[in-house]
Amino acid sequence: MPEVNQYVFSSKELLELLIKRAGVREGRWILMATFGFSAGNFGPSPDQAMPGALIAIQQIGIQRAQADAPEAMSLDAAVINSATAEEK
């Protein structure tokens, strides 16, 4: 059997994991990210450097969904954590 060296999660799966990890038990939540931006000169060598931009993910988390948030992008913590309690 080959060695597993990668696990991939959809945004909904990641949202569910974070809701469980945070112990949130009520409300609708969405996935959020904080980005950092930087400009500079990039290239494989100084002679080939060009102006460019770097975008870094600084944080990933959850935030309470607004009333107009798309249903497909949010999860209900009461449903997520009640399912967890039933599994135990």
PDB file of N, CA and C in Angstrom:
ATOM      1  N   MET A   1       0.837  -1.179   0.000  1.00  0.00           N
ATOM      2  CA  MET A   1       0.000   0.000   0.000  1.00  0.00           C
ATOM      3  C   MET A   1       0.886   1.249   0.000  1.00  0.00           C
ATOM      4  N   PRO A   2       0.613   2.212  -0.898  1.00  0.00           N
ATOM      5  CA  PRO A   2       1.463   3.402  -0.965  1.00  0.00           C
ATOM      6  C   PRO A   2       1.319   4.271   0.279  1.00  0.00           C
ATOM      7  N   GLU A   3       2.389   4.987   0.578  1.00  0.00           N
ATOM      8  CA  GLU A   3       2.385   5.901   1.723  1.00  0.00           C
ATOM      9  C   GLU A   3       1.567   7.150   1.384  1.00  0.00           C
ATOM     10  N   VAL A   4       0.670   7.542   2.271  1.00  0.00           N
ATOM     11  CA  VAL A   4      -0.132   8.748   2.077  1.00  0.00           C
ATOM     12  C   VAL A   4       0.711   9.941   2.494  1.00  0.00           C
ATOM     13  N   ASN A   5       0.836  10.915   1.592  1.00  0.00           N
ATOM     14  CA  ASN A   5       1.628  12.095   1.933  1.00  0.00           C
ATOM     15  C   ASN A   5       0.885  13.396   1.676  1.00  0.00           C
ATOM     16  N   GLN A   6      -0.431  13.282   1.424  1.00  0.00           N
ATOM     17  CA  GLN A   6      -1.205  14.491   1.186  1.00  0.00           C
ATOM     18  C   GLN A   6      -2.673  14.248   1.533  1.00  0.00           C
ATOM     19  N   TYR A   7      -3.283  15.212   2.191  1.00  0.00           N
ATOM     20  CA  TYR A   7      -4.714  15.198   2.478  1.00  0.00           C
ATOM     21  C   TYR A   7      -5.290  16.507   1.949  1.00  0.00           C
ATOM     22  N   VAL A   8      -6.403  16.442   1.284  1.00  0.00           N
ATOM     23  CA  VAL A   8      -7.028  17.621   0.695  1.00  0.00           C
ATOM     24  C   VAL A   8      -8.438  17.765   1.258  1.00  0.00           C
ATOM     25  N   PHE A   9      -8.815  18.999   1.606  1.00  0.00           N
ATOM     26  CA  PHE A   9     -10.130  19.273   2.160  1.00  0.00           C
ATOM     27  C   PHE A   9     -10.820  20.345   1.332  1.00  0.00           C
ATOM     28  N   SER A  10     -12.116  20.196   1.119  1.00  0.00           N
ATOM     29  CA  SER A  10     -12.895  21.245   0.464  1.00  0.00           C
ATOM     30  C   SER A  10     -13.091  22.384   1.464  1.00  0.00           C
ATOM     31  N   SER A  11     -13.554  23.521   0.980  1.00  0.00           N
ATOM     32  CA  SER A  11     -13.786  24.645   1.889  1.00  0.00           C
ATOM     33  C   SER A  11     -14.863  24.307   2.917  1.00  0.00           C
ATOM     34  N   LYS A  12     -15.883  23.538   2.532  1.00  0.00           N
ATOM     35  CA  LYS A  12     -16.937  23.120   3.480  1.00  0.00           C
ATOM     36  C   LYS A  12     -16.364  22.178   4.543  1.00  0.00           C
ATOM     37  N   GLU A  13     -15.510  21.251   4.133  1.00  0.00           N
ATOM     38  CA  GLU A  13     -14.898  20.328   5.095  1.00  0.00           C
ATOM     39  C   GLU A  13     -14.006  21.090   6.068  1.00  0.00           C
ATOM     40  N   LEU A  14     -13.245  22.045   5.552  1.00  0.00           N
ATOM     41  CA  LEU A  14     -12.383  22.859   6.414  1.00  0.00           C
ATOM     42  C   LEU A  14     -13.217  23.686   7.384  1.00  0.00           C
ATOM     43  N   LEU A  15     -14.309  24.259   6.905  1.00  0.00           N
ATOM     44  CA  LEU A  15     -15.214  25.019   7.763  1.00  0.00           C
ATOM     45  C   LEU A  15     -15.771  24.141   8.874  1.00  0.00           C
ATOM     46  N   GLU A  16     -16.188  22.933   8.539  1.00  0.00           N
ATOM     47  CA  GLU A  16     -16.716  22.006   9.543  1.00  0.00           C
ATOM     48  C   GLU A  16     -15.658  21.665  10.585  1.00  0.00           C
ATOM     49  N   LEU A  17     -14.431  21.396  10.150  1.00  0.00           N
ATOM     50  CA  LEU A  17     -13.348  21.081  11.087  1.00  0.00           C
ATOM     51  C   LEU A  17     -13.068  22.253  12.034  1.00  0.00           C
ATOM     52  N   LEU A  18     -13.069  23.465  11.501  1.00  0.00           N
ATOM     53  CA  LEU A  18     -12.792  24.637  12.332  1.00  0.00           C
ATOM     54  C   LEU A  18     -13.921  24.924  13.315  1.00  0.00           C
ATOM     55  N   ILE A  19     -15.161  24.705  12.891  1.00  0.00           N
ATOM     56  CA  ILE A  19     -16.298  24.872  13.812  1.00  0.00           C
ATOM     57  C   ILE A  19     -16.168  23.884  14.969  1.00  0.00           C
ATOM     58  N   LYS A  20     -15.841  22.637  14.653  1.00  0.00           N
ATOM     59  CA  LYS A  20     -15.666  21.624  15.703  1.00  0.00           C
ATOM     60  C   LYS A  20     -14.502  21.984  16.619  1.00  0.00           C
ATOM     61  N   ARG A  21     -13.383  22.400  16.041  1.00  0.00           N
ATOM     62  CA  ARG A  21     -12.186  22.720  16.821  1.00  0.00           C
ATOM     63  C   ARG A  21     -12.424  23.905  17.752  1.00  0.00           C
ATOM     64  N   ALA A  22     -13.201  24.891  17.273  1.00  0.00           N
ATOM     65  CA  ALA A  22     -13.492  26.074  18.084  1.00  0.00           C
ATOM     66  C   ALA A  22     -14.544  25.791  19.145  1.00  0.00           C
ATOM     67  N   GLY A  23     -15.262  24.674  19.003  1.00  0.00           N
ATOM     68  CA  GLY A  23     -16.296  24.333  19.981  1.00  0.00           C
ATOM     69  C   GLY A  23     -17.532  25.214  19.880  1.00  0.00           C
ATOM     70  N   VAL A  24     -17.741  25.819  18.717  1.00  0.00           N
ATOM     71  CA  VAL A  24     -18.900  26.688  18.518  1.00  0.00           C
ATOM     72  C   VAL A  24     -20.148  25.819  18.422  1.00  0.00           C
ATOM     73  N   ARG A  25     -21.199  26.205  19.113  1.00  0.00           N
ATOM     74  CA  ARG A  25     -22.402  25.379  19.171  1.00  0.00           C
ATOM     75  C   ARG A  25     -23.664  26.060  18.632  1.00  0.00           C
ATOM     76  N   GLU A  26     -23.546  27.309  18.200  1.00  0.00           N
ATOM     77  CA  GLU A  26     -24.733  27.984  17.677  1.00  0.00           C
ATOM     78  C   GLU A  26     -24.342  28.973  16.592  1.00  0.00           C
ATOM     79  N   GLY A  27     -25.281  29.272  15.731  1.00  0.00           N
ATOM     80  CA  GLY A  27     -25.087  30.260  14.677  1.00  0.00           C
ATOM     81  C   GLY A  27     -24.585  29.656  13.381  1.00  0.00           C
ATOM     82  N   ARG A  28     -24.750  30.431  12.310  1.00  0.00           N
ATOM     83  CA  ARG A  28     -24.237  30.044  11.000  1.00  0.00           C
ATOM     84  C   ARG A  28     -22.881  30.708  10.829  1.00  0.00           C
ATOM     85  N   TRP A  29     -21.927  29.975  10.266  1.00  0.00           N
ATOM     86  CA  TRP A  29     -20.548  30.434  10.149  1.00  0.00           C
ATOM     87  C   TRP A  29     -20.039  30.246   8.728  1.00  0.00           C
ATOM     88  N   ILE A  30     -19.100  31.111   8.330  1.00  0.00           N
ATOM     89  CA  ILE A  30     -18.455  31.005   7.033  1.00  0.00           C
ATOM     90  C   ILE A  30     -16.944  30.978   7.235  1.00  0.00           C
ATOM     91  N   LEU A  31     -16.249  30.485   6.244  1.00  0.00           N
ATOM     92  CA  LEU A  31     -14.792  30.445   6.248  1.00  0.00           C
ATOM     93  C   LEU A  31     -14.265  31.835   5.915  1.00  0.00           C
ATOM     94  N   MET A  32     -13.191  32.254   6.572  1.00  0.00           N
ATOM     95  CA  MET A  32     -12.575  33.541   6.273  1.00  0.00           C
ATOM     96  C   MET A  32     -11.064  33.385   6.238  1.00  0.00           C
ATOM     97  N   ALA A  33     -10.414  34.297   5.548  1.00  0.00           N
ATOM     98  CA  ALA A  33      -8.953  34.289   5.472  1.00  0.00           C
ATOM     99  C   ALA A  33      -8.450  35.721   5.528  1.00  0.00           C
ATOM    100  N   THR A  34      -7.277  35.891   6.132  1.00  0.00           N
ATOM    101  CA  THR A  34      -6.596  37.178   6.162  1.00  0.00           C
ATOM    102  C   THR A  34      -5.381  37.052   5.253  1.00  0.00           C
ATOM    103  N   PHE A  35      -5.249  37.997   4.325  1.00  0.00           N
ATOM    104  CA  PHE A  35      -4.154  37.952   3.362  1.00  0.00           C
ATOM    105  C   PHE A  35      -3.167  39.079   3.623  1.00  0.00           C
ATOM    106  N   GLY A  36      -1.904  38.822   3.312  1.00  0.00           N
ATOM    107  CA  GLY A  36      -0.857  39.837   3.339  1.00  0.00           C
ATOM    108  C   GLY A  36      -0.360  40.044   1.921  1.00  0.00           C
ATOM    109  N   PHE A  37      -0.088  41.281   1.556  1.00  0.00           N
ATOM    110  CA  PHE A  37       0.370  41.610   0.214  1.00  0.00           C
ATOM    111  C   PHE A  37       1.714  42.320   0.285  1.00  0.00           C
ATOM    112  N   SER A  38       2.575  42.028  -0.682  1.00  0.00           N
ATOM    113  CA  SER A  38       3.867  42.683  -0.745  1.00  0.00           C
ATOM    114  C   SER A  38       4.289  42.812  -2.201  1.00  0.00           C
ATOM    115  N   ALA A  39       4.957  43.884  -2.516  1.00  0.00           N
ATOM    116  CA  ALA A  39       5.482  44.098  -3.865  1.00  0.00           C
ATOM    117  C   ALA A  39       7.000  44.002  -3.824  1.00  0.00           C
ATOM    118  N   GLY A  40       7.582  43.618  -4.946  1.00  0.00           N
ATOM    119  CA  GLY A  40       9.032  43.519  -5.011  1.00  0.00           C
ATOM    120  C   GLY A  40       9.476  43.135  -6.404  1.00  0.00           C
ATOM    121  N   ASN A  41      10.748  42.890  -6.528  1.00  0.00           N
ATOM    122  CA  ASN A  41      11.321  42.427  -7.784  1.00  0.00           C
ATOM    123  C   ASN A  41      11.644  40.949  -7.626  1.00  0.00           C
ATOM    124  N   PHE A  42      11.103  40.125  -8.522  1.00  0.00           N
ATOM    125  CA  PHE A  42      11.230  38.682  -8.415  1.00  0.00           C
ATOM    126  C   PHE A  42      11.750  38.101  -9.723  1.00  0.00           C
ATOM    127  N   GLY A  43      12.516  37.037  -9.604  1.00  0.00           N
ATOM    128  CA  GLY A  43      12.994  36.334 -10.789  1.00  0.00           C
ATOM    129  C   GLY A  43      13.997  35.269 -10.411  1.00  0.00           C
ATOM    130  N   PRO A  44      14.326  34.400 -11.359  1.00  0.00           N
ATOM    131  CA  PRO A  44      15.273  33.327 -11.059  1.00  0.00           C
ATOM    132  C   PRO A  44      16.701  33.818 -10.866  1.00  0.00           C
ATOM    133  N   SER A  45      17.014  35.010 -11.363  1.00  0.00           N
ATOM    134  CA  SER A  45      18.340  35.603 -11.166  1.00  0.00           C
ATOM    135  C   SER A  45      18.188  37.126 -11.172  1.00  0.00           C
ATOM    136  N   PRO A  46      19.165  37.856 -10.669  1.00  0.00           N
ATOM    137  CA  PRO A  46      19.059  39.326 -10.670  1.00  0.00           C
ATOM    138  C   PRO A  46      18.862  39.906 -12.073  1.00  0.00           C
ATOM    139  N   ASP A  47      19.454  39.282 -13.083  1.00  0.00           N
ATOM    140  CA  ASP A  47      19.298  39.775 -14.456  1.00  0.00           C
ATOM    141  C   ASP A  47      17.895  39.549 -15.010  1.00  0.00           C
ATOM    142  N   GLN A  48      17.138  38.630 -14.428  1.00  0.00           N
ATOM    143  CA  GLN A  48      15.802  38.313 -14.918  1.00  0.00           C
ATOM    144  C   GLN A  48      14.697  38.788 -13.971  1.00  0.00           C
ATOM    145  N   ALA A  49      15.058  39.611 -12.998  1.00  0.00           N
ATOM    146  CA  ALA A  49      14.070  40.107 -12.036  1.00  0.00           C
ATOM    147  C   ALA A  49      13.080  41.048 -12.706  1.00  0.00           C
ATOM    148  N   MET A  50      11.821  40.924 -12.290  1.00  0.00           N
ATOM    149  CA  MET A  50      10.742  41.781 -12.790  1.00  0.00           C
ATOM    150  C   MET A  50       9.885  42.221 -11.616  1.00  0.00           C
ATOM    151  N   PRO A  51       9.191  43.359 -11.766  1.00  0.00           N
ATOM    152  CA  PRO A  51       8.273  43.771 -10.717  1.00  0.00           C
ATOM    153  C   PRO A  51       7.176  42.713 -10.551  1.00  0.00           C
ATOM    154  N   GLY A  52       6.824  42.466  -9.315  1.00  0.00           N
ATOM    155  CA  GLY A  52       5.788  41.469  -9.060  1.00  0.00           C
ATOM    156  C   GLY A  52       5.142  41.681  -7.711  1.00  0.00           C
ATOM    157  N   ALA A  53       4.215  40.797  -7.405  1.00  0.00           N
ATOM    158  CA  ALA A  53       3.500  40.881  -6.135  1.00  0.00           C
ATOM    159  C   ALA A  53       3.464  39.509  -5.480  1.00  0.00           C
ATOM    160  N   LEU A  54       3.439  39.507  -4.169  1.00  0.00           N
ATOM    161  CA  LEU A  54       3.360  38.288  -3.387  1.00  0.00           C
ATOM    162  C   LEU A  54       2.107  38.377  -2.526  1.00  0.00           C
ATOM    163  N   ILE A  55       1.332  37.320  -2.530  1.00  0.00           N
ATOM    164  CA  ILE A  55       0.135  37.244  -1.690  1.00  0.00           C
ATOM    165  C   ILE A  55       0.325  36.062  -0.749  1.00  0.00           C
ATOM    166  N   ALA A  56       0.239  36.307   0.540  1.00  0.00           N
ATOM    167  CA  ALA A  56       0.419  35.254   1.540  1.00  0.00           C
ATOM    168  C   ALA A  56      -0.850  35.114   2.379  1.00  0.00           C
ATOM    169  N   ILE A  57      -1.226  33.878   2.668  1.00  0.00           N
ATOM    170  CA  ILE A  57      -2.338  33.637   3.585  1.00  0.00           C
ATOM    171  C   ILE A  57      -1.770  33.723   4.990  1.00  0.00           C
ATOM    172  N   GLN A  58      -2.225  34.695   5.761  1.00  0.00           N
ATOM    173  CA  GLN A  58      -1.711  34.895   7.110  1.00  0.00           C
ATOM    174  C   GLN A  58      -2.506  34.123   8.148  1.00  0.00           C
ATOM    175  N   GLN A  59      -3.821  34.054   7.960  1.00  0.00           N
ATOM    176  CA  GLN A  59      -4.680  33.349   8.910  1.00  0.00           C
ATOM    177  C   GLN A  59      -5.877  32.770   8.174  1.00  0.00           C
ATOM    178  N   ILE A  60      -6.369  31.649   8.678  1.00  0.00           N
ATOM    179  CA  ILE A  60      -7.621  31.067   8.199  1.00  0.00           C
ATOM    180  C   ILE A  60      -8.490  30.864   9.424  1.00  0.00           C
ATOM    181  N   GLY A  61      -9.751  31.224   9.329  1.00  0.00           N
ATOM    182  CA  GLY A  61     -10.636  31.098  10.481  1.00  0.00           C
ATOM    183  C   GLY A  61     -12.088  31.039  10.059  1.00  0.00           C
ATOM    184  N   ILE A  62     -12.954  31.260  11.029  1.00  0.00           N
ATOM    185  CA  ILE A  62     -14.394  31.291  10.775  1.00  0.00           C
ATOM    186  C   ILE A  62     -14.947  32.608  11.293  1.00  0.00           C
ATOM    187  N   GLN A  63     -16.013  33.066  10.678  1.00  0.00           N
ATOM    188  CA  GLN A  63     -16.715  34.240  11.181  1.00  0.00           C
ATOM    189  C   GLN A  63     -18.205  34.013  11.042  1.00  0.00           C
ATOM    190  N   ARG A  64     -18.953  34.635  11.929  1.00  0.00           N
ATOM    191  CA  ARG A  64     -20.406  34.489  11.914  1.00  0.00           C
ATOM    192  C   ARG A  64     -20.939  35.006  10.587  1.00  0.00           C
ATOM    193  N   ALA A  65     -21.795  34.230   9.960  1.00  0.00           N
ATOM    194  CA  ALA A  65     -22.358  34.589   8.660  1.00  0.00           C
ATOM    195  C   ALA A  65     -23.406  35.681   8.811  1.00  0.00           C
ATOM    196  N   GLN A  66     -23.399  36.618   7.896  1.00  0.00           N
ATOM    197  CA  GLN A  66     -24.436  37.645   7.831  1.00  0.00           C
ATOM    198  C   GLN A  66     -25.713  37.013   7.289  1.00  0.00           C
ATOM    199  N   ALA A  67     -26.836  37.651   7.483  1.00  0.00           N
ATOM    200  CA  ALA A  67     -28.131  37.121   7.042  1.00  0.00           C
ATOM    201  C   ALA A  67     -28.173  36.879   5.538  1.00  0.00           C
ATOM    202  N   ASP A  68     -27.433  37.683   4.754  1.00  0.00           N
ATOM    203  CA  ASP A  68     -27.462  37.547   3.304  1.00  0.00           C
ATOM    204  C   ASP A  68     -26.347  36.651   2.755  1.00  0.00           C
ATOM    205  N   ALA A  69     -25.610  35.971   3.635  1.00  0.00           N
ATOM    206  CA  ALA A  69     -24.536  35.068   3.180  1.00  0.00           C
ATOM    207  C   ALA A  69     -25.136  33.899   2.411  1.00  0.00           C
ATOM    208  N   PRO A  70     -24.507  33.509   1.301  1.00  0.00           N
ATOM    209  CA  PRO A  70     -25.031  32.373   0.537  1.00  0.00           C
ATOM    210  C   PRO A  70     -25.085  31.099   1.388  1.00  0.00           C
ATOM    211  N   GLU A  71     -26.196  30.412   1.311  1.00  0.00           N
ATOM    212  CA  GLU A  71     -26.398  29.176   2.077  1.00  0.00           C
ATOM    213  C   GLU A  71     -25.302  28.148   1.782  1.00  0.00           C
ATOM    214  N   ALA A  72     -24.856  28.101   0.536  1.00  0.00           N
ATOM    215  CA  ALA A  72     -23.854  27.117   0.124  1.00  0.00           C
ATOM    216  C   ALA A  72     -22.483  27.370   0.746  1.00  0.00           C
ATOM    217  N   MET A  73     -22.269  28.578   1.303  1.00  0.00           N
ATOM    218  CA  MET A  73     -20.963  28.907   1.872  1.00  0.00           C
ATOM    219  C   MET A  73     -20.944  28.880   3.394  1.00  0.00           C
ATOM    220  N   SER A  74     -22.070  28.573   4.024  1.00  0.00           N
ATOM    221  CA  SER A  74     -22.116  28.616   5.485  1.00  0.00           C
ATOM    222  C   SER A  74     -22.594  27.288   6.055  1.00  0.00           C
ATOM    223  N   LEU A  75     -22.254  27.071   7.315  1.00  0.00           N
ATOM    224  CA  LEU A  75     -22.699  25.878   8.034  1.00  0.00           C
ATOM    225  C   LEU A  75     -23.278  26.296   9.379  1.00  0.00           C
ATOM    226  N   ASP A  76     -24.253  25.533   9.846  1.00  0.00           N
ATOM    227  CA  ASP A  76     -24.899  25.777  11.133  1.00  0.00           C
ATOM    228  C   ASP A  76     -24.144  25.002  12.209  1.00  0.00           C
ATOM    229  N   ALA A  77     -23.546  25.710  13.153  1.00  0.00           N
ATOM    230  CA  ALA A  77     -22.757  25.070  14.210  1.00  0.00           C
ATOM    231  C   ALA A  77     -23.593  24.132  15.062  1.00  0.00           C
ATOM    232  N   ALA A  78     -24.858  24.443  15.274  1.00  0.00           N
ATOM    233  CA  ALA A  78     -25.723  23.570  16.082  1.00  0.00           C
ATOM    234  C   ALA A  78     -25.885  22.214  15.411  1.00  0.00           C
ATOM    235  N   VAL A  79     -25.969  22.195  14.097  1.00  0.00           N
ATOM    236  CA  VAL A  79     -26.084  20.931  13.353  1.00  0.00           C
ATOM    237  C   VAL A  79     -24.752  20.183  13.376  1.00  0.00           C
ATOM    238  N   ILE A  80     -23.665  20.895  13.128  1.00  0.00           N
ATOM    239  CA  ILE A  80     -22.334  20.274  13.091  1.00  0.00           C
ATOM    240  C   ILE A  80     -21.997  19.649  14.438  1.00  0.00           C
ATOM    241  N   ASN A  81     -22.164  20.383  15.515  1.00  0.00           N
ATOM    242  CA  ASN A  81     -21.766  19.877  16.823  1.00  0.00           C
ATOM    243  C   ASN A  81     -22.780  18.937  17.450  1.00  0.00           C
ATOM    244  N   SER A  82     -24.033  18.958  17.009  1.00  0.00           N
ATOM    245  CA  SER A  82     -24.970  17.953  17.514  1.00  0.00           C
ATOM    246  C   SER A  82     -24.651  16.600  16.883  1.00  0.00           C
ATOM    247  N   ALA A  83     -24.208  16.602  15.635  1.00  0.00           N
ATOM    248  CA  ALA A  83     -23.803  15.349  14.971  1.00  0.00           C
ATOM    249  C   ALA A  83     -22.568  14.775  15.666  1.00  0.00           C
ATOM    250  N   THR A  84     -21.650  15.636  16.080  1.00  0.00           N
ATOM    251  CA  THR A  84     -20.448  15.188  16.781  1.00  0.00           C
ATOM    252  C   THR A  84     -20.812  14.528  18.105  1.00  0.00           C
ATOM    253  N   ALA A  85     -21.750  15.127  18.835  1.00  0.00           N
ATOM    254  CA  ALA A  85     -22.168  14.575  20.128  1.00  0.00           C
ATOM    255  C   ALA A  85     -22.845  13.215  19.964  1.00  0.00           C
ATOM    256  N   GLU A  86     -23.608  13.049  18.890  1.00  0.00           N
ATOM    257  CA  GLU A  86     -24.291  11.773  18.641  1.00  0.00           C
ATOM    258  C   GLU A  86     -23.320  10.656  18.300  1.00  0.00           C
ATOM    259  N   GLU A  87     -22.167  11.007  17.661  1.00  0.00           N
ATOM    260  CA  GLU A  87     -21.178  10.010  17.253  1.00  0.00           C
ATOM    261  C   GLU A  87     -20.441   9.416  18.454  1.00  0.00           C
ATOM    262  N   LYS A  88     -20.371  10.161  19.551  1.00  0.00           N
ATOM    263  CA  LYS A  88     -19.597   9.713  20.725  1.00  0.00           C
ATOM    264  C   LYS A  88     -20.270   8.611  21.476  1.00  0.00           C
TER     265      LYS A  88
END
